[in-house]
Amino acid sequence: MLFTTQIKQLRESRQMLQRQVSAALDIDNAMYCKIERGDRNATRNQVIALARIFKTDEKELLTLWLADKVYEVVGGEDNADNVLNIVAENMMEYKLTIKK
């Protein structure tokens, strides 16, 4: 879990307690603990707020969060590499279409 590992490292490097982070997010401490353990998914807005709280790059944190979501869907599939390649190809085509 890339995202959960990162937020735990960020919290610890800033010597913050989980209850401080949960208070800053305005959520229950137990809920934040579940997010940090990977038992519950953070929302996009929570990820953005965490980037602000930890004074870190929002785009990087959102990327890790989204990567975990993708892995959750395709990670256990035998053809995950093929699926991701198809998605990447379609995204490239989409970007080229938009630029025209």
N, C-alpha and C. Protein backbone atom coordinates (compact mmCIF):
# COMPACT_ATOMS: atom_id res chain seq x y z
N MET A 1 0.84 -1.17 0.00
CA MET A 1 0.00 0.00 0.00
C MET A 1 0.89 1.25 0.00
N LEU A 2 1.04 1.81 -1.15
CA LEU A 2 1.93 2.96 -1.32
C LEU A 2 1.44 4.19 -0.54
N PHE A 3 0.16 4.48 -0.66
CA PHE A 3 -0.41 5.67 -0.03
C PHE A 3 -0.33 5.58 1.49
N THR A 4 -0.76 4.45 2.04
CA THR A 4 -0.79 4.33 3.50
C THR A 4 0.61 4.36 4.09
N THR A 5 1.56 3.74 3.41
CA THR A 5 2.94 3.79 3.86
C THR A 5 3.45 5.22 3.86
N GLN A 6 3.11 5.95 2.82
CA GLN A 6 3.58 7.33 2.69
C GLN A 6 2.99 8.24 3.77
N ILE A 7 1.68 8.12 4.02
CA ILE A 7 1.09 9.03 5.02
C ILE A 7 1.61 8.70 6.43
N LYS A 8 1.86 7.44 6.69
CA LYS A 8 2.42 7.08 8.00
C LYS A 8 3.83 7.66 8.14
N GLN A 9 4.64 7.53 7.09
CA GLN A 9 6.00 8.09 7.13
C GLN A 9 5.97 9.60 7.29
N LEU A 10 5.06 10.26 6.55
CA LEU A 10 4.95 11.72 6.65
C LEU A 10 4.54 12.13 8.06
N ARG A 11 3.57 11.42 8.63
CA ARG A 11 3.10 11.75 9.98
C ARG A 11 4.22 11.57 11.00
N GLU A 12 4.90 10.43 10.91
CA GLU A 12 5.97 10.16 11.86
C GLU A 12 7.15 11.12 11.69
N SER A 13 7.49 11.48 10.46
CA SER A 13 8.61 12.39 10.24
C SER A 13 8.32 13.79 10.77
N ARG A 14 7.04 14.11 10.87
CA ARG A 14 6.64 15.40 11.43
C ARG A 14 6.29 15.30 12.91
N GLN A 15 6.54 14.12 13.47
CA GLN A 15 6.30 13.84 14.88
C GLN A 15 4.88 14.21 15.31
N MET A 16 3.94 13.82 14.46
CA MET A 16 2.53 14.06 14.75
C MET A 16 1.88 12.78 15.23
N LEU A 17 0.92 12.92 16.12
CA LEU A 17 0.13 11.78 16.57
C LEU A 17 -1.05 11.58 15.62
N GLN A 18 -1.53 10.35 15.56
CA GLN A 18 -2.68 10.07 14.71
C GLN A 18 -3.88 10.93 15.11
N ARG A 19 -4.05 11.16 16.40
CA ARG A 19 -5.20 11.97 16.84
C ARG A 19 -5.07 13.43 16.39
N GLN A 20 -3.84 13.91 16.22
CA GLN A 20 -3.65 15.27 15.71
C GLN A 20 -4.08 15.36 14.25
N VAL A 21 -3.71 14.33 13.49
CA VAL A 21 -4.07 14.30 12.07
C VAL A 21 -5.58 14.15 11.92
N SER A 22 -6.17 13.25 12.70
CA SER A 22 -7.62 13.06 12.60
C SER A 22 -8.36 14.33 12.98
N ALA A 23 -7.87 15.06 13.97
CA ALA A 23 -8.50 16.32 14.35
C ALA A 23 -8.39 17.35 13.22
N ALA A 24 -7.24 17.39 12.57
CA ALA A 24 -7.04 18.32 11.46
C ALA A 24 -7.95 17.96 10.28
N LEU A 25 -8.23 16.66 10.12
CA LEU A 25 -9.13 16.21 9.05
C LEU A 25 -10.59 16.31 9.46
N ASP A 26 -10.81 16.55 10.75
CA ASP A 26 -12.16 16.61 11.32
C ASP A 26 -12.89 15.27 11.15
N ILE A 27 -12.15 14.19 11.45
CA ILE A 27 -12.75 12.86 11.43
C ILE A 27 -12.40 12.15 12.74
N ASP A 28 -13.11 11.09 13.01
CA ASP A 28 -12.88 10.26 14.19
C ASP A 28 -11.48 9.67 14.13
N ASN A 29 -10.80 9.59 15.28
CA ASN A 29 -9.45 9.04 15.32
C ASN A 29 -9.42 7.60 14.81
N ALA A 30 -10.42 6.81 15.18
CA ALA A 30 -10.46 5.41 14.73
C ALA A 30 -10.53 5.34 13.20
N MET A 31 -11.25 6.27 12.59
CA MET A 31 -11.35 6.28 11.13
C MET A 31 -9.99 6.59 10.51
N TYR A 32 -9.28 7.57 11.06
CA TYR A 32 -7.96 7.88 10.51
C TYR A 32 -7.02 6.69 10.68
N CYS A 33 -7.07 6.03 11.83
CA CYS A 33 -6.22 4.85 12.05
C CYS A 33 -6.50 3.79 10.99
N LYS A 34 -7.77 3.60 10.65
CA LYS A 34 -8.13 2.63 9.62
C LYS A 34 -7.60 3.05 8.25
N ILE A 35 -7.64 4.34 7.96
CA ILE A 35 -7.09 4.84 6.70
C ILE A 35 -5.60 4.57 6.65
N GLU A 36 -4.89 4.89 7.73
CA GLU A 36 -3.44 4.71 7.76
C GLU A 36 -3.05 3.23 7.68
N ARG A 37 -3.88 2.34 8.21
CA ARG A 37 -3.61 0.89 8.14
C ARG A 37 -4.03 0.30 6.81
N GLY A 38 -4.84 1.02 6.04
CA GLY A 38 -5.32 0.50 4.78
C GLY A 38 -6.62 -0.27 4.90
N ASP A 39 -7.25 -0.20 6.07
CA ASP A 39 -8.53 -0.88 6.28
C ASP A 39 -9.71 -0.08 5.74
N ARG A 40 -9.47 1.18 5.48
CA ARG A 40 -10.52 2.06 4.94
C ARG A 40 -9.86 2.99 3.93
N ASN A 41 -10.56 3.29 2.85
CA ASN A 41 -10.02 4.18 1.82
C ASN A 41 -10.27 5.63 2.18
N ALA A 42 -9.27 6.45 1.98
CA ALA A 42 -9.43 7.89 2.13
C ALA A 42 -10.19 8.41 0.92
N THR A 43 -10.89 9.51 1.12
CA THR A 43 -11.54 10.17 -0.01
C THR A 43 -10.53 11.09 -0.69
N ARG A 44 -10.85 11.50 -1.89
CA ARG A 44 -9.98 12.43 -2.62
C ARG A 44 -9.78 13.72 -1.81
N ASN A 45 -10.84 14.23 -1.22
CA ASN A 45 -10.73 15.45 -0.42
C ASN A 45 -9.84 15.25 0.80
N GLN A 46 -9.90 14.07 1.40
CA GLN A 46 -9.04 13.78 2.54
C GLN A 46 -7.58 13.71 2.12
N VAL A 47 -7.33 13.17 0.95
CA VAL A 47 -5.95 13.09 0.43
C VAL A 47 -5.40 14.50 0.22
N ILE A 48 -6.21 15.36 -0.35
CA ILE A 48 -5.79 16.74 -0.57
C ILE A 48 -5.53 17.44 0.76
N ALA A 49 -6.40 17.19 1.73
CA ALA A 49 -6.22 17.78 3.07
C ALA A 49 -4.95 17.24 3.72
N LEU A 50 -4.68 15.95 3.57
CA LEU A 50 -3.46 15.37 4.13
C LEU A 50 -2.21 16.00 3.53
N ALA A 51 -2.24 16.25 2.25
CA ALA A 51 -1.10 16.91 1.60
C ALA A 51 -0.86 18.28 2.23
N ARG A 52 -1.94 18.99 2.50
CA ARG A 52 -1.84 20.30 3.14
C ARG A 52 -1.32 20.17 4.58
N ILE A 53 -1.86 19.22 5.31
CA ILE A 53 -1.45 19.00 6.71
C ILE A 53 0.03 18.65 6.80
N PHE A 54 0.48 17.77 5.91
CA PHE A 54 1.86 17.31 5.93
C PHE A 54 2.81 18.20 5.12
N LYS A 55 2.25 19.23 4.49
CA LYS A 55 3.04 20.15 3.67
C LYS A 55 3.88 19.38 2.64
N THR A 56 3.17 18.55 1.87
CA THR A 56 3.82 17.74 0.86
C THR A 56 3.11 17.94 -0.48
N ASP A 57 3.68 17.41 -1.52
CA ASP A 57 3.16 17.58 -2.86
C ASP A 57 1.81 16.87 -3.02
N GLU A 58 0.78 17.64 -3.29
CA GLU A 58 -0.57 17.11 -3.44
C GLU A 58 -0.66 16.12 -4.60
N LYS A 59 -0.05 16.45 -5.71
CA LYS A 59 -0.11 15.59 -6.89
C LYS A 59 0.54 14.23 -6.61
N GLU A 60 1.66 14.23 -5.91
CA GLU A 60 2.35 12.99 -5.58
C GLU A 60 1.48 12.11 -4.67
N LEU A 61 0.86 12.72 -3.67
CA LEU A 61 0.02 11.96 -2.75
C LEU A 61 -1.22 11.42 -3.45
N LEU A 62 -1.81 12.23 -4.33
CA LEU A 62 -2.97 11.77 -5.11
C LEU A 62 -2.57 10.63 -6.05
N THR A 63 -1.36 10.70 -6.59
CA THR A 63 -0.88 9.64 -7.49
C THR A 63 -0.76 8.32 -6.74
N LEU A 64 -0.19 8.35 -5.54
CA LEU A 64 -0.06 7.13 -4.75
C LEU A 64 -1.43 6.58 -4.35
N TRP A 65 -2.32 7.47 -3.98
CA TRP A 65 -3.69 7.08 -3.60
C TRP A 65 -4.40 6.40 -4.76
N LEU A 66 -4.29 7.00 -5.93
CA LEU A 66 -4.94 6.44 -7.11
C LEU A 66 -4.28 5.13 -7.54
N ALA A 67 -2.96 5.05 -7.43
CA ALA A 67 -2.25 3.81 -7.77
C ALA A 67 -2.73 2.66 -6.89
N ASP A 68 -2.95 2.94 -5.61
CA ASP A 68 -3.48 1.91 -4.71
C ASP A 68 -4.88 1.48 -5.13
N LYS A 69 -5.69 2.43 -5.58
CA LYS A 69 -7.05 2.11 -6.02
C LYS A 69 -7.02 1.22 -7.27
N VAL A 70 -6.13 1.53 -8.20
CA VAL A 70 -6.00 0.73 -9.41
C VAL A 70 -5.51 -0.67 -9.03
N TYR A 71 -4.52 -0.74 -8.17
CA TYR A 71 -3.99 -2.04 -7.75
C TYR A 71 -5.07 -2.89 -7.08
N GLU A 72 -5.91 -2.24 -6.30
CA GLU A 72 -7.00 -2.94 -5.62
C GLU A 72 -7.93 -3.63 -6.64
N VAL A 73 -8.11 -2.99 -7.79
CA VAL A 73 -9.00 -3.54 -8.81
C VAL A 73 -8.32 -4.61 -9.66
N VAL A 74 -7.09 -4.36 -10.10
CA VAL A 74 -6.45 -5.28 -11.06
C VAL A 74 -5.29 -6.09 -10.50
N GLY A 75 -4.87 -5.80 -9.30
CA GLY A 75 -3.66 -6.42 -8.75
C GLY A 75 -3.65 -7.93 -8.74
N GLY A 76 -4.77 -8.55 -8.47
CA GLY A 76 -4.81 -10.00 -8.38
C GLY A 76 -5.10 -10.71 -9.68
N GLU A 77 -5.28 -9.96 -10.74
CA GLU A 77 -5.63 -10.56 -12.03
C GLU A 77 -4.39 -11.09 -12.75
N ASP A 78 -4.55 -12.24 -13.41
CA ASP A 78 -3.44 -12.83 -14.15
C ASP A 78 -2.96 -11.93 -15.29
N ASN A 79 -3.89 -11.21 -15.88
CA ASN A 79 -3.55 -10.37 -17.04
C ASN A 79 -3.47 -8.89 -16.68
N ALA A 80 -3.11 -8.59 -15.44
CA ALA A 80 -3.05 -7.20 -14.98
C ALA A 80 -2.12 -6.35 -15.86
N ASP A 81 -0.98 -6.91 -16.26
CA ASP A 81 -0.04 -6.16 -17.11
C ASP A 81 -0.70 -5.75 -18.42
N ASN A 82 -1.42 -6.69 -19.03
CA ASN A 82 -2.10 -6.40 -20.29
C ASN A 82 -3.17 -5.34 -20.11
N VAL A 83 -3.93 -5.46 -19.03
CA VAL A 83 -4.99 -4.49 -18.74
C VAL A 83 -4.39 -3.09 -18.59
N LEU A 84 -3.34 -2.98 -17.81
CA LEU A 84 -2.72 -1.67 -17.59
C LEU A 84 -2.12 -1.11 -18.88
N ASN A 85 -1.56 -1.98 -19.71
CA ASN A 85 -1.03 -1.53 -21.00
C ASN A 85 -2.14 -0.97 -21.89
N ILE A 86 -3.27 -1.64 -21.91
CA ILE A 86 -4.41 -1.17 -22.71
C ILE A 86 -4.88 0.19 -22.21
N VAL A 87 -4.97 0.31 -20.90
CA VAL A 87 -5.40 1.59 -20.31
C VAL A 87 -4.40 2.69 -20.68
N ALA A 88 -3.11 2.39 -20.55
CA ALA A 88 -2.08 3.39 -20.87
C ALA A 88 -2.15 3.81 -22.34
N GLU A 89 -2.34 2.84 -23.22
CA GLU A 89 -2.46 3.16 -24.65
C GLU A 89 -3.67 4.05 -24.92
N ASN A 90 -4.79 3.71 -24.30
CA ASN A 90 -6.00 4.50 -24.51
C ASN A 90 -5.86 5.90 -23.93
N MET A 91 -5.15 6.03 -22.83
CA MET A 91 -4.94 7.35 -22.26
C MET A 91 -4.07 8.20 -23.18
N MET A 92 -3.06 7.58 -23.78
CA MET A 92 -2.19 8.30 -24.72
C MET A 92 -3.00 8.78 -25.93
N GLU A 93 -3.84 7.91 -26.46
CA GLU A 93 -4.68 8.27 -27.59
C GLU A 93 -5.63 9.41 -27.22
N TYR A 94 -6.19 9.33 -26.03
CA TYR A 94 -7.11 10.36 -25.53
C TYR A 94 -6.39 11.71 -25.44
N LYS A 95 -5.17 11.70 -24.89
CA LYS A 95 -4.40 12.93 -24.75
C LYS A 95 -4.09 13.52 -26.13
N LEU A 96 -3.75 12.66 -27.10
CA LEU A 96 -3.46 13.15 -28.45
C LEU A 96 -4.71 13.75 -29.09
N THR A 97 -5.86 13.15 -28.84
CA THR A 97 -7.12 13.65 -29.38
C THR A 97 -7.44 15.03 -28.80
N ILE A 98 -7.19 15.21 -27.54
CA ILE A 98 -7.49 16.48 -26.88
C ILE A 98 -6.58 17.59 -27.42
N LYS A 99 -5.33 17.28 -27.70
CA LYS A 99 -4.39 18.29 -28.18
C LYS A 99 -4.70 18.79 -29.57
N LYS A 100 -5.48 18.03 -30.35
CA LYS A 100 -5.78 18.43 -31.74
C LYS A 100 -6.77 19.53 -31.81
